[in-house]
Amino acid sequence: MLMRRWGFPALLLVAGLATWLLLAGPSKLLGVDTGQTGIALLVTVAWMSLLAIHRMPRGEIERAVSLGECKAWSGVVFMAVAIAYFLSKLHVFLEASIPHNPEAAAVGRNLVLLLIAWSVLSAVIASRWKGEVEEDERDREIARRGNGWGRGALTFAVIGIAAMLAFSPDAKLQWATHLMIANLLVFALMWGCLFEYAAIGVAYWRDRH
């Protein structure tokens, strides 16, 4: 009973600390990379939440939401965290190229770790629905519409980056190094994924209501 009473506030507190370490904390604290620490804490929160879900009676979650909706909202959360972290560290890509820029290399490494953690957690989420119908015509239609939103957001971001580079005076493009442009394109991909997952999640939510 005590665990149920204090478990959720404790997870929120740890998630808040992890978010601060990722977005606003110093790059290193006591010699430790705060980005990796923040990601580790976020993954811990996700694992504890999944553990609580797995302890719920079989069928309770399945009746409330589908596998597609769970994956969509988890994708929204992880992609939003990745984008926020990327934007908060964008200034490090103004320096030298990655082989001579340890801070930029650390940001890239942390984003890869976040992607790996998300992939593992997605597999764990899918295991909850093992033996159930995972996809039907409705799921495929919602996924198709979500893909359309994602392509639209990606196209908008790429056109915006291209227009900014094409129409800005040369004197104001000193920041536009090859490394920065490459990372802006990665941001465009993440932006498209965020819109895709958000559109899918909202479609499921509207369908249930």
N, C-alpha and C. Protein backbone atom coordinates (compact mmCIF):
# COMPACT_ATOMS: atom_id res chain seq x y z
N MET A 1 0.82 -1.20 0.00
CA MET A 1 0.00 0.00 0.00
C MET A 1 0.86 1.26 0.00
N LEU A 2 1.93 1.23 0.83
CA LEU A 2 2.83 2.38 0.87
C LEU A 2 3.50 2.60 -0.47
N MET A 3 3.85 1.48 -1.15
CA MET A 3 4.50 1.59 -2.45
C MET A 3 3.55 2.20 -3.47
N ARG A 4 2.27 1.80 -3.40
CA ARG A 4 1.30 2.36 -4.33
C ARG A 4 1.09 3.84 -4.07
N ARG A 5 1.13 4.23 -2.78
CA ARG A 5 0.86 5.62 -2.44
C ARG A 5 1.99 6.53 -2.88
N TRP A 6 3.22 6.09 -2.69
CA TRP A 6 4.38 6.95 -2.96
C TRP A 6 5.09 6.61 -4.26
N GLY A 7 4.73 5.52 -4.91
CA GLY A 7 5.44 5.12 -6.11
C GLY A 7 5.31 6.12 -7.24
N PHE A 8 4.08 6.57 -7.54
CA PHE A 8 3.87 7.50 -8.66
C PHE A 8 4.54 8.84 -8.42
N PRO A 9 4.37 9.49 -7.22
CA PRO A 9 5.11 10.75 -6.99
C PRO A 9 6.61 10.58 -7.07
N ALA A 10 7.12 9.43 -6.60
CA ALA A 10 8.58 9.20 -6.67
C ALA A 10 9.04 9.10 -8.12
N LEU A 11 8.27 8.41 -8.97
CA LEU A 11 8.62 8.31 -10.39
C LEU A 11 8.60 9.69 -11.05
N LEU A 12 7.60 10.51 -10.70
CA LEU A 12 7.53 11.87 -11.25
C LEU A 12 8.75 12.69 -10.82
N LEU A 13 9.16 12.54 -9.57
CA LEU A 13 10.32 13.28 -9.07
C LEU A 13 11.58 12.87 -9.81
N VAL A 14 11.76 11.55 -10.00
CA VAL A 14 12.95 11.06 -10.72
C VAL A 14 12.91 11.51 -12.17
N ALA A 15 11.72 11.46 -12.79
CA ALA A 15 11.59 11.92 -14.18
C ALA A 15 11.91 13.40 -14.31
N GLY A 16 11.47 14.20 -13.33
CA GLY A 16 11.80 15.63 -13.35
C GLY A 16 13.29 15.88 -13.21
N LEU A 17 13.94 15.13 -12.32
CA LEU A 17 15.39 15.25 -12.16
C LEU A 17 16.11 14.86 -13.44
N ALA A 18 15.66 13.78 -14.06
CA ALA A 18 16.28 13.33 -15.31
C ALA A 18 16.13 14.38 -16.40
N THR A 19 14.94 14.99 -16.50
CA THR A 19 14.70 16.03 -17.50
C THR A 19 15.61 17.24 -17.26
N TRP A 20 15.78 17.62 -15.99
CA TRP A 20 16.66 18.74 -15.67
C TRP A 20 18.10 18.43 -16.06
N LEU A 21 18.55 17.22 -15.76
CA LEU A 21 19.92 16.84 -16.11
C LEU A 21 20.14 16.88 -17.62
N LEU A 22 19.12 16.46 -18.38
CA LEU A 22 19.25 16.43 -19.84
C LEU A 22 19.21 17.83 -20.45
N LEU A 23 18.30 18.67 -19.97
CA LEU A 23 18.02 19.93 -20.66
C LEU A 23 18.70 21.14 -20.04
N ALA A 24 18.83 21.18 -18.74
CA ALA A 24 19.32 22.40 -18.10
C ALA A 24 20.53 22.19 -17.21
N GLY A 25 20.87 20.96 -16.95
CA GLY A 25 21.99 20.69 -16.05
C GLY A 25 23.34 20.95 -16.71
N PRO A 26 24.41 20.99 -15.92
CA PRO A 26 25.75 21.14 -16.49
C PRO A 26 26.12 19.93 -17.32
N SER A 27 27.08 20.11 -18.22
CA SER A 27 27.48 18.98 -19.08
C SER A 27 28.10 17.86 -18.27
N LYS A 28 28.78 18.20 -17.16
CA LYS A 28 29.37 17.20 -16.27
C LYS A 28 29.11 17.58 -14.82
N LEU A 29 28.86 16.60 -13.99
CA LEU A 29 28.64 16.81 -12.56
C LEU A 29 29.45 15.78 -11.81
N LEU A 30 30.42 16.25 -11.03
CA LEU A 30 31.34 15.37 -10.31
C LEU A 30 32.06 14.43 -11.27
N GLY A 31 32.36 14.95 -12.48
CA GLY A 31 33.09 14.18 -13.47
C GLY A 31 32.24 13.20 -14.26
N VAL A 32 30.93 13.21 -14.05
CA VAL A 32 30.03 12.27 -14.73
C VAL A 32 29.21 13.02 -15.77
N ASP A 33 29.05 12.43 -16.96
CA ASP A 33 28.25 13.03 -18.02
C ASP A 33 26.79 13.06 -17.58
N THR A 34 26.23 14.27 -17.41
CA THR A 34 24.85 14.39 -16.93
C THR A 34 23.85 13.92 -17.97
N GLY A 35 24.22 13.99 -19.26
CA GLY A 35 23.32 13.49 -20.29
C GLY A 35 23.07 12.00 -20.14
N GLN A 36 24.14 11.22 -19.96
CA GLN A 36 23.99 9.78 -19.78
C GLN A 36 23.25 9.47 -18.49
N THR A 37 23.52 10.25 -17.43
CA THR A 37 22.82 10.04 -16.17
C THR A 37 21.33 10.30 -16.33
N GLY A 38 20.99 11.40 -17.03
CA GLY A 38 19.58 11.72 -17.26
C GLY A 38 18.87 10.64 -18.06
N ILE A 39 19.53 10.12 -19.09
CA ILE A 39 18.93 9.06 -19.90
C ILE A 39 18.75 7.80 -19.06
N ALA A 40 19.73 7.47 -18.23
CA ALA A 40 19.62 6.29 -17.38
C ALA A 40 18.44 6.42 -16.41
N LEU A 41 18.25 7.61 -15.86
CA LEU A 41 17.13 7.82 -14.94
C LEU A 41 15.79 7.73 -15.67
N LEU A 42 15.73 8.30 -16.89
CA LEU A 42 14.48 8.21 -17.66
C LEU A 42 14.15 6.76 -18.00
N VAL A 43 15.16 5.99 -18.38
CA VAL A 43 14.93 4.58 -18.69
C VAL A 43 14.48 3.83 -17.44
N THR A 44 15.05 4.18 -16.29
CA THR A 44 14.63 3.56 -15.03
C THR A 44 13.16 3.84 -14.74
N VAL A 45 12.75 5.10 -14.95
CA VAL A 45 11.34 5.45 -14.75
C VAL A 45 10.45 4.65 -15.69
N ALA A 46 10.88 4.53 -16.96
CA ALA A 46 10.09 3.78 -17.93
C ALA A 46 9.99 2.31 -17.52
N TRP A 47 11.09 1.73 -17.08
CA TRP A 47 11.07 0.32 -16.67
C TRP A 47 10.16 0.12 -15.47
N MET A 48 10.21 1.02 -14.49
CA MET A 48 9.35 0.88 -13.31
C MET A 48 7.89 1.01 -13.70
N SER A 49 7.60 1.91 -14.64
CA SER A 49 6.22 2.07 -15.10
C SER A 49 5.74 0.81 -15.81
N LEU A 50 6.61 0.24 -16.65
CA LEU A 50 6.25 -1.00 -17.35
C LEU A 50 6.07 -2.16 -16.37
N LEU A 51 6.89 -2.18 -15.33
CA LEU A 51 6.75 -3.23 -14.32
C LEU A 51 5.39 -3.14 -13.64
N ALA A 52 4.95 -1.90 -13.35
CA ALA A 52 3.64 -1.70 -12.74
C ALA A 52 2.53 -2.16 -13.69
N ILE A 53 2.71 -1.88 -14.99
CA ILE A 53 1.71 -2.29 -15.98
C ILE A 53 1.64 -3.81 -16.06
N HIS A 54 2.80 -4.47 -16.06
CA HIS A 54 2.82 -5.93 -16.17
C HIS A 54 2.20 -6.61 -14.95
N ARG A 55 2.19 -5.92 -13.83
CA ARG A 55 1.59 -6.51 -12.63
C ARG A 55 0.07 -6.35 -12.59
N MET A 56 -0.45 -5.55 -13.51
CA MET A 56 -1.90 -5.38 -13.56
C MET A 56 -2.55 -6.65 -14.11
N PRO A 57 -3.79 -6.93 -13.72
CA PRO A 57 -4.47 -8.14 -14.20
C PRO A 57 -4.52 -8.18 -15.72
N ARG A 58 -4.35 -9.36 -16.27
CA ARG A 58 -4.37 -9.55 -17.72
C ARG A 58 -5.72 -9.10 -18.29
N GLY A 59 -5.69 -8.28 -19.30
CA GLY A 59 -6.91 -7.81 -19.95
C GLY A 59 -7.32 -6.42 -19.54
N GLU A 60 -6.86 -5.94 -18.38
CA GLU A 60 -7.27 -4.61 -17.91
C GLU A 60 -6.73 -3.52 -18.80
N ILE A 61 -5.44 -3.61 -19.11
CA ILE A 61 -4.82 -2.62 -20.01
C ILE A 61 -5.29 -2.84 -21.44
N GLU A 62 -5.36 -4.12 -21.84
CA GLU A 62 -5.71 -4.43 -23.22
C GLU A 62 -7.09 -3.91 -23.60
N ARG A 63 -8.02 -3.90 -22.62
CA ARG A 63 -9.36 -3.38 -22.91
C ARG A 63 -9.36 -1.87 -23.04
N ALA A 64 -8.43 -1.22 -22.35
CA ALA A 64 -8.40 0.25 -22.35
C ALA A 64 -7.71 0.81 -23.59
N VAL A 65 -6.54 0.28 -23.93
CA VAL A 65 -5.78 0.80 -25.07
C VAL A 65 -5.24 -0.37 -25.89
N SER A 66 -4.90 -0.09 -27.14
CA SER A 66 -4.33 -1.11 -28.02
C SER A 66 -2.81 -1.01 -28.03
N LEU A 67 -2.17 -2.02 -28.61
CA LEU A 67 -0.72 -2.01 -28.73
C LEU A 67 -0.26 -0.81 -29.55
N GLY A 68 -0.97 -0.52 -30.65
CA GLY A 68 -0.59 0.61 -31.49
C GLY A 68 -0.62 1.92 -30.75
N GLU A 69 -1.62 2.12 -29.88
CA GLU A 69 -1.70 3.37 -29.13
C GLU A 69 -0.58 3.46 -28.09
N CYS A 70 -0.30 2.34 -27.42
CA CYS A 70 0.80 2.35 -26.44
C CYS A 70 2.12 2.69 -27.10
N LYS A 71 2.38 2.07 -28.25
CA LYS A 71 3.62 2.36 -28.96
C LYS A 71 3.67 3.82 -29.41
N ALA A 72 2.53 4.34 -29.84
CA ALA A 72 2.50 5.73 -30.33
C ALA A 72 2.82 6.71 -29.21
N TRP A 73 2.17 6.54 -28.04
CA TRP A 73 2.43 7.50 -26.96
C TRP A 73 3.83 7.35 -26.38
N SER A 74 4.36 6.13 -26.33
CA SER A 74 5.74 5.98 -25.88
C SER A 74 6.69 6.64 -26.88
N GLY A 75 6.37 6.53 -28.18
CA GLY A 75 7.18 7.20 -29.19
C GLY A 75 7.13 8.70 -29.06
N VAL A 76 5.95 9.25 -28.73
CA VAL A 76 5.82 10.69 -28.53
C VAL A 76 6.72 11.15 -27.38
N VAL A 77 6.68 10.41 -26.27
CA VAL A 77 7.46 10.80 -25.10
C VAL A 77 8.95 10.76 -25.40
N PHE A 78 9.42 9.64 -25.95
CA PHE A 78 10.85 9.50 -26.21
C PHE A 78 11.32 10.49 -27.27
N MET A 79 10.51 10.69 -28.32
CA MET A 79 10.93 11.61 -29.38
C MET A 79 10.93 13.05 -28.89
N ALA A 80 9.95 13.41 -28.04
CA ALA A 80 9.92 14.77 -27.49
C ALA A 80 11.14 15.01 -26.60
N VAL A 81 11.50 14.02 -25.80
CA VAL A 81 12.70 14.15 -24.96
C VAL A 81 13.95 14.28 -25.83
N ALA A 82 14.04 13.46 -26.88
CA ALA A 82 15.20 13.51 -27.77
C ALA A 82 15.32 14.87 -28.45
N ILE A 83 14.20 15.41 -28.93
CA ILE A 83 14.22 16.71 -29.61
C ILE A 83 14.59 17.82 -28.63
N ALA A 84 13.98 17.79 -27.44
CA ALA A 84 14.29 18.82 -26.45
C ALA A 84 15.77 18.77 -26.05
N TYR A 85 16.30 17.56 -25.86
CA TYR A 85 17.71 17.41 -25.52
C TYR A 85 18.59 17.90 -26.65
N PHE A 86 18.23 17.53 -27.88
CA PHE A 86 19.02 17.95 -29.04
C PHE A 86 19.05 19.47 -29.16
N LEU A 87 17.89 20.12 -29.03
CA LEU A 87 17.84 21.58 -29.16
C LEU A 87 18.59 22.27 -28.03
N SER A 88 18.54 21.69 -26.83
CA SER A 88 19.24 22.32 -25.70
C SER A 88 20.76 22.24 -25.86
N LYS A 89 21.24 21.27 -26.66
CA LYS A 89 22.67 21.08 -26.87
C LYS A 89 23.11 21.51 -28.27
N LEU A 90 22.24 22.21 -28.99
CA LEU A 90 22.54 22.55 -30.38
C LEU A 90 23.81 23.38 -30.50
N HIS A 91 24.11 24.19 -29.49
CA HIS A 91 25.26 25.08 -29.56
C HIS A 91 26.59 24.33 -29.65
N VAL A 92 26.63 23.07 -29.19
CA VAL A 92 27.90 22.34 -29.21
C VAL A 92 28.33 22.01 -30.63
N PHE A 93 27.37 22.00 -31.57
CA PHE A 93 27.70 21.67 -32.96
C PHE A 93 28.27 22.87 -33.72
N LEU A 94 28.39 24.02 -33.04
CA LEU A 94 29.02 25.18 -33.66
C LEU A 94 30.53 25.10 -33.58
N GLU A 95 31.02 24.18 -32.78
CA GLU A 95 32.46 24.06 -32.59
C GLU A 95 33.06 23.20 -33.71
N ALA A 96 34.16 22.55 -33.41
CA ALA A 96 34.87 21.74 -34.41
C ALA A 96 34.07 20.51 -34.79
N SER A 97 34.56 19.79 -35.78
CA SER A 97 33.90 18.55 -36.21
C SER A 97 33.97 17.52 -35.09
N ILE A 98 33.17 16.46 -35.21
CA ILE A 98 33.00 15.49 -34.13
C ILE A 98 34.32 14.87 -33.65
N PRO A 99 35.27 14.50 -34.55
CA PRO A 99 36.52 13.92 -34.03
C PRO A 99 37.29 14.85 -33.10
N HIS A 100 37.06 16.16 -33.22
CA HIS A 100 37.75 17.14 -32.38
C HIS A 100 36.77 17.88 -31.46
N ASN A 101 35.59 17.31 -31.28
CA ASN A 101 34.54 17.97 -30.50
C ASN A 101 33.91 16.94 -29.56
N PRO A 102 34.51 16.72 -28.39
CA PRO A 102 34.00 15.68 -27.49
C PRO A 102 32.58 15.93 -27.00
N GLU A 103 32.19 17.21 -26.86
CA GLU A 103 30.83 17.50 -26.40
C GLU A 103 29.80 17.08 -27.44
N ALA A 104 30.07 17.37 -28.72
CA ALA A 104 29.15 16.96 -29.78
C ALA A 104 29.09 15.44 -29.88
N ALA A 105 30.23 14.78 -29.72
CA ALA A 105 30.25 13.31 -29.75
C ALA A 105 29.42 12.74 -28.60
N ALA A 106 29.49 13.38 -27.43
CA ALA A 106 28.72 12.91 -26.27
C ALA A 106 27.22 13.07 -26.52
N VAL A 107 26.81 14.17 -27.15
CA VAL A 107 25.39 14.38 -27.47
C VAL A 107 24.90 13.29 -28.42
N GLY A 108 25.68 13.03 -29.47
CA GLY A 108 25.31 11.99 -30.42
C GLY A 108 25.22 10.63 -29.75
N ARG A 109 26.18 10.34 -28.88
CA ARG A 109 26.17 9.05 -28.19
C ARG A 109 24.95 8.92 -27.28
N ASN A 110 24.59 9.99 -26.59
CA ASN A 110 23.42 9.94 -25.71
C ASN A 110 22.12 9.76 -26.50
N LEU A 111 22.03 10.38 -27.67
CA LEU A 111 20.85 10.21 -28.50
C LEU A 111 20.73 8.77 -29.00
N VAL A 112 21.87 8.16 -29.34
CA VAL A 112 21.86 6.76 -29.76
C VAL A 112 21.43 5.86 -28.60
N LEU A 113 21.92 6.14 -27.40
CA LEU A 113 21.53 5.36 -26.23
C LEU A 113 20.04 5.49 -25.96
N LEU A 114 19.50 6.70 -26.15
CA LEU A 114 18.07 6.91 -25.96
C LEU A 114 17.26 6.11 -26.98
N LEU A 115 17.75 6.06 -28.23
CA LEU A 115 17.08 5.29 -29.27
C LEU A 115 17.10 3.80 -28.96
N ILE A 116 18.23 3.30 -28.47
CA ILE A 116 18.34 1.88 -28.12
C ILE A 116 17.38 1.55 -26.97
N ALA A 117 17.35 2.43 -25.96
CA ALA A 117 16.46 2.20 -24.83
C ALA A 117 15.01 2.17 -25.28
N TRP A 118 14.65 3.08 -26.18
CA TRP A 118 13.28 3.13 -26.70
C TRP A 118 12.94 1.84 -27.45
N SER A 119 13.87 1.34 -28.26
CA SER A 119 13.63 0.10 -29.01
C SER A 119 13.40 -1.08 -28.07
N VAL A 120 14.21 -1.16 -27.01
CA VAL A 120 14.05 -2.26 -26.06
C VAL A 120 12.71 -2.15 -25.33
N LEU A 121 12.37 -0.94 -24.90
CA LEU A 121 11.11 -0.75 -24.19
C LEU A 121 9.91 -1.03 -25.09
N SER A 122 10.02 -0.70 -26.38
CA SER A 122 8.94 -1.00 -27.32
C SER A 122 8.72 -2.50 -27.43
N ALA A 123 9.82 -3.25 -27.43
CA ALA A 123 9.70 -4.71 -27.48
C ALA A 123 9.05 -5.25 -26.22
N VAL A 124 9.38 -4.64 -25.07
CA VAL A 124 8.77 -5.08 -23.81
C VAL A 124 7.27 -4.76 -23.81
N ILE A 125 6.91 -3.58 -24.32
CA ILE A 125 5.49 -3.22 -24.41
C ILE A 125 4.75 -4.22 -25.29
N ALA A 126 5.35 -4.59 -26.43
CA ALA A 126 4.70 -5.53 -27.35
C ALA A 126 4.48 -6.89 -26.70
N SER A 127 5.37 -7.27 -25.77
CA SER A 127 5.23 -8.58 -25.12
C SER A 127 3.96 -8.66 -24.28
N ARG A 128 3.45 -7.50 -23.84
CA ARG A 128 2.22 -7.49 -23.05
C ARG A 128 1.05 -7.99 -23.88
N TRP A 129 1.09 -7.75 -25.19
CA TRP A 129 0.00 -8.14 -26.08
C TRP A 129 0.29 -9.47 -26.80
N LYS A 130 1.27 -10.23 -26.31
CA LYS A 130 1.62 -11.47 -26.96
C LYS A 130 0.42 -12.41 -26.97
N GLY A 131 0.11 -12.96 -28.13
CA GLY A 131 -1.03 -13.85 -28.25
C GLY A 131 -2.33 -13.15 -28.59
N GLU A 132 -2.31 -11.81 -28.56
CA GLU A 132 -3.50 -11.04 -28.91
C GLU A 132 -3.39 -10.56 -30.36
N VAL A 133 -4.51 -10.08 -30.90
CA VAL A 133 -4.49 -9.48 -32.23
C VAL A 133 -3.80 -8.12 -32.13
N GLU A 134 -2.66 -7.98 -32.80
CA GLU A 134 -1.85 -6.78 -32.65
C GLU A 134 -2.22 -5.70 -33.68
N GLU A 135 -2.81 -6.09 -34.81
CA GLU A 135 -3.09 -5.10 -35.85
C GLU A 135 -4.29 -5.56 -36.67
N ASP A 136 -5.20 -4.62 -36.94
CA ASP A 136 -6.34 -4.90 -37.80
C ASP A 136 -6.48 -3.76 -38.80
N GLU A 137 -7.60 -3.73 -39.51
CA GLU A 137 -7.80 -2.69 -40.53
C GLU A 137 -7.79 -1.29 -39.92
N ARG A 138 -8.37 -1.14 -38.74
CA ARG A 138 -8.37 0.17 -38.10
C ARG A 138 -6.95 0.62 -37.78
N ASP A 139 -6.14 -0.28 -37.24
CA ASP A 139 -4.75 0.06 -36.92
C ASP A 139 -3.99 0.49 -38.16
N ARG A 140 -4.20 -0.25 -39.26
CA ARG A 140 -3.48 0.08 -40.50
C ARG A 140 -3.93 1.43 -41.06
N GLU A 141 -5.22 1.75 -40.93
CA GLU A 141 -5.70 3.04 -41.41
C GLU A 141 -5.15 4.19 -40.56
N ILE A 142 -5.12 3.99 -39.25
CA ILE A 142 -4.56 5.01 -38.36
C ILE A 142 -3.07 5.20 -38.64
N ALA A 143 -2.35 4.08 -38.85
CA ALA A 143 -0.92 4.18 -39.17
C ALA A 143 -0.70 4.91 -40.48
N ARG A 144 -1.57 4.67 -41.46
CA ARG A 144 -1.43 5.33 -42.76
C ARG A 144 -1.61 6.85 -42.61
N ARG A 145 -2.61 7.26 -41.83
CA ARG A 145 -2.82 8.69 -41.61
C ARG A 145 -1.67 9.30 -40.82
N GLY A 146 -1.17 8.55 -39.84
CA GLY A 146 -0.02 9.04 -39.07
C GLY A 146 1.21 9.21 -39.94
N ASN A 147 1.43 8.27 -40.86
CA ASN A 147 2.56 8.38 -41.79
C ASN A 147 2.44 9.64 -42.65
N GLY A 148 1.20 9.97 -43.04
CA GLY A 148 0.98 11.19 -43.83
C GLY A 148 1.36 12.43 -43.05
N TRP A 149 0.95 12.49 -41.77
CA TRP A 149 1.33 13.63 -40.93
C TRP A 149 2.85 13.70 -40.76
N GLY A 150 3.48 12.54 -40.58
CA GLY A 150 4.93 12.53 -40.41
C GLY A 150 5.65 13.02 -41.65
N ARG A 151 5.20 12.56 -42.84
CA ARG A 151 5.83 13.02 -44.08
C ARG A 151 5.62 14.52 -44.27
N GLY A 152 4.43 15.00 -43.92
CA GLY A 152 4.18 16.44 -44.06
C GLY A 152 5.07 17.26 -43.15
N ALA A 153 5.24 16.82 -41.89
CA ALA A 153 6.10 17.55 -40.95
C ALA A 153 7.56 17.51 -41.40
N LEU A 154 8.01 16.34 -41.91
CA LEU A 154 9.38 16.23 -42.40
C LEU A 154 9.60 17.13 -43.60
N THR A 155 8.65 17.14 -44.53
CA THR A 155 8.77 17.99 -45.71
C THR A 155 8.82 19.46 -45.32
N PHE A 156 7.96 19.85 -44.39
CA PHE A 156 7.93 21.24 -43.93
C PHE A 156 9.27 21.64 -43.31
N ALA A 157 9.83 20.75 -42.48
CA ALA A 157 11.10 21.05 -41.81
C ALA A 157 12.24 21.17 -42.82
N VAL A 158 12.30 20.25 -43.79
CA VAL A 158 13.38 20.28 -44.79
C VAL A 158 13.28 21.53 -45.66
N ILE A 159 12.04 21.87 -46.08
CA ILE A 159 11.86 23.08 -46.88
C ILE A 159 12.24 24.32 -46.07
N GLY A 160 11.88 24.33 -44.78
CA GLY A 160 12.25 25.46 -43.93
C GLY A 160 13.75 25.62 -43.81
N ILE A 161 14.47 24.50 -43.61
CA ILE A 161 15.94 24.56 -43.53
C ILE A 161 16.53 25.04 -44.84
N ALA A 162 16.02 24.51 -45.96
CA ALA A 162 16.54 24.90 -47.28
C ALA A 162 16.29 26.38 -47.54
N ALA A 163 15.10 26.86 -47.20
CA ALA A 163 14.78 28.27 -47.42
C ALA A 163 15.65 29.17 -46.55
N MET A 164 15.87 28.76 -45.31
CA MET A 164 16.72 29.55 -44.41
C MET A 164 18.14 29.66 -44.96
N LEU A 165 18.67 28.55 -45.48
CA LEU A 165 20.02 28.57 -46.02
C LEU A 165 20.10 29.35 -47.33
N ALA A 166 19.05 29.26 -48.14
CA ALA A 166 19.08 29.89 -49.46
C ALA A 166 18.89 31.40 -49.39
N PHE A 167 18.07 31.88 -48.47
CA PHE A 167 17.72 33.30 -48.47
C PHE A 167 18.40 34.13 -47.38
N SER A 168 19.21 33.49 -46.55
CA SER A 168 19.94 34.25 -45.53
C SER A 168 21.22 34.83 -46.12
N PRO A 169 21.58 36.07 -45.77
CA PRO A 169 22.84 36.64 -46.24
C PRO A 169 24.03 35.81 -45.76
N ASP A 170 25.08 35.80 -46.57
CA ASP A 170 26.26 35.00 -46.22
C ASP A 170 26.83 35.39 -44.86
N ALA A 171 26.73 36.67 -44.53
CA ALA A 171 27.30 37.14 -43.26
C ALA A 171 26.59 36.54 -42.05
N LYS A 172 25.36 36.09 -42.26
CA LYS A 172 24.59 35.52 -41.15
C LYS A 172 24.56 33.99 -41.17
N LEU A 173 25.40 33.41 -42.01
CA LEU A 173 25.43 31.95 -42.11
C LEU A 173 26.75 31.37 -41.63
N GLN A 174 27.43 32.10 -40.75
CA GLN A 174 28.68 31.58 -40.23
C GLN A 174 28.47 30.35 -39.36
N TRP A 175 27.27 30.21 -38.82
CA TRP A 175 26.96 29.06 -37.98
C TRP A 175 26.69 27.79 -38.80
N ALA A 176 26.42 27.96 -40.10
CA ALA A 176 25.97 26.85 -40.94
C ALA A 176 27.14 26.00 -41.41
N THR A 177 27.82 25.35 -40.45
CA THR A 177 28.89 24.44 -40.82
C THR A 177 28.29 23.12 -41.33
N HIS A 178 29.15 22.29 -41.92
CA HIS A 178 28.66 20.99 -42.39
C HIS A 178 28.07 20.18 -41.24
N LEU A 179 28.71 20.24 -40.07
CA LEU A 179 28.22 19.49 -38.92
C LEU A 179 26.85 20.00 -38.48
N MET A 180 26.68 21.32 -38.46
CA MET A 180 25.40 21.88 -38.05
C MET A 180 24.29 21.53 -39.04
N ILE A 181 24.57 21.62 -40.33
CA ILE A 181 23.55 21.29 -41.34
C ILE A 181 23.16 19.81 -41.24
N ALA A 182 24.16 18.95 -41.04
CA ALA A 182 23.87 17.52 -40.90
C ALA A 182 22.96 17.27 -39.71
N ASN A 183 23.20 17.95 -38.61
CA ASN A 183 22.38 17.76 -37.43
C ASN A 183 21.00 18.38 -37.58
N LEU A 184 20.88 19.45 -38.35
CA LEU A 184 19.56 20.00 -38.64
C LEU A 184 18.72 19.02 -39.45
N LEU A 185 19.36 18.28 -40.33
CA LEU A 185 18.63 17.27 -41.10
C LEU A 185 18.19 16.11 -40.19
N VAL A 186 19.04 15.76 -39.23
CA VAL A 186 18.64 14.74 -38.25
C VAL A 186 17.45 15.26 -37.43
N PHE A 187 17.51 16.55 -37.07
CA PHE A 187 16.37 17.14 -36.36
C PHE A 187 15.09 17.05 -37.18
N ALA A 188 15.19 17.28 -38.48
CA ALA A 188 14.01 17.20 -39.35
C ALA A 188 13.41 15.80 -39.31
N LEU A 189 14.27 14.77 -39.30
CA LEU A 189 13.77 13.39 -39.21
C LEU A 189 13.06 13.15 -37.88
N MET A 190 13.64 13.64 -36.79
CA MET A 190 13.02 13.46 -35.48
C MET A 190 11.71 14.22 -35.41
N TRP A 191 11.66 15.41 -36.00
CA TRP A 191 10.45 16.22 -36.03
C TRP A 191 9.32 15.48 -36.76
N GLY A 192 9.66 14.87 -37.89
CA GLY A 192 8.67 14.10 -38.64
C GLY A 192 8.16 12.91 -37.83
N CYS A 193 9.06 12.20 -37.14
CA CYS A 193 8.66 11.07 -36.31
C CYS A 193 7.75 11.50 -35.17
N LEU A 194 8.07 12.65 -34.56
CA LEU A 194 7.24 13.15 -33.46
C LEU A 194 5.81 13.40 -33.93
N PHE A 195 5.66 14.04 -35.08
CA PHE A 195 4.32 14.32 -35.61
C PHE A 195 3.60 13.03 -35.97
N GLU A 196 4.34 12.06 -36.51
CA GLU A 196 3.71 10.79 -36.88
C GLU A 196 3.15 10.08 -35.65
N TYR A 197 3.97 9.95 -34.60
CA TYR A 197 3.50 9.27 -33.40
C TYR A 197 2.38 10.04 -32.71
N ALA A 198 2.51 11.36 -32.69
CA ALA A 198 1.46 12.17 -32.06
C ALA A 198 0.13 12.03 -32.81
N ALA A 199 0.18 12.03 -34.14
CA ALA A 199 -1.04 11.89 -34.94
C ALA A 199 -1.68 10.52 -34.70
N ILE A 200 -0.85 9.48 -34.60
CA ILE A 200 -1.38 8.14 -34.35
C ILE A 200 -2.01 8.05 -32.96
N GLY A 201 -1.31 8.60 -31.96
CA GLY A 201 -1.85 8.58 -30.61
C GLY A 201 -3.16 9.33 -30.49
N VAL A 202 -3.25 10.51 -31.10
CA VAL A 202 -4.48 11.29 -31.06
C VAL A 202 -5.60 10.57 -31.79
N ALA A 203 -5.28 9.92 -32.91
CA ALA A 203 -6.31 9.18 -33.67
C ALA A 203 -6.89 8.05 -32.82
N TYR A 204 -6.04 7.31 -32.11
CA TYR A 204 -6.55 6.25 -31.24
C TYR A 204 -7.41 6.84 -30.12
N TRP A 205 -6.94 7.94 -29.53
CA TRP A 205 -7.68 8.57 -28.43
C TRP A 205 -9.05 9.04 -28.91
N ARG A 206 -9.10 9.66 -30.07
CA ARG A 206 -10.39 10.11 -30.61
C ARG A 206 -11.30 8.93 -30.93
N ASP A 207 -10.71 7.86 -31.42
CA ASP A 207 -11.49 6.68 -31.76
C ASP A 207 -12.13 6.06 -30.51
N ARG A 208 -11.38 6.09 -29.39
CA ARG A 208 -11.93 5.53 -28.15
C ARG A 208 -13.01 6.42 -27.54
N HIS A 209 -13.00 7.69 -27.86
CA HIS A 209 -13.98 8.61 -27.29
C HIS A 209 -15.07 8.98 -28.29
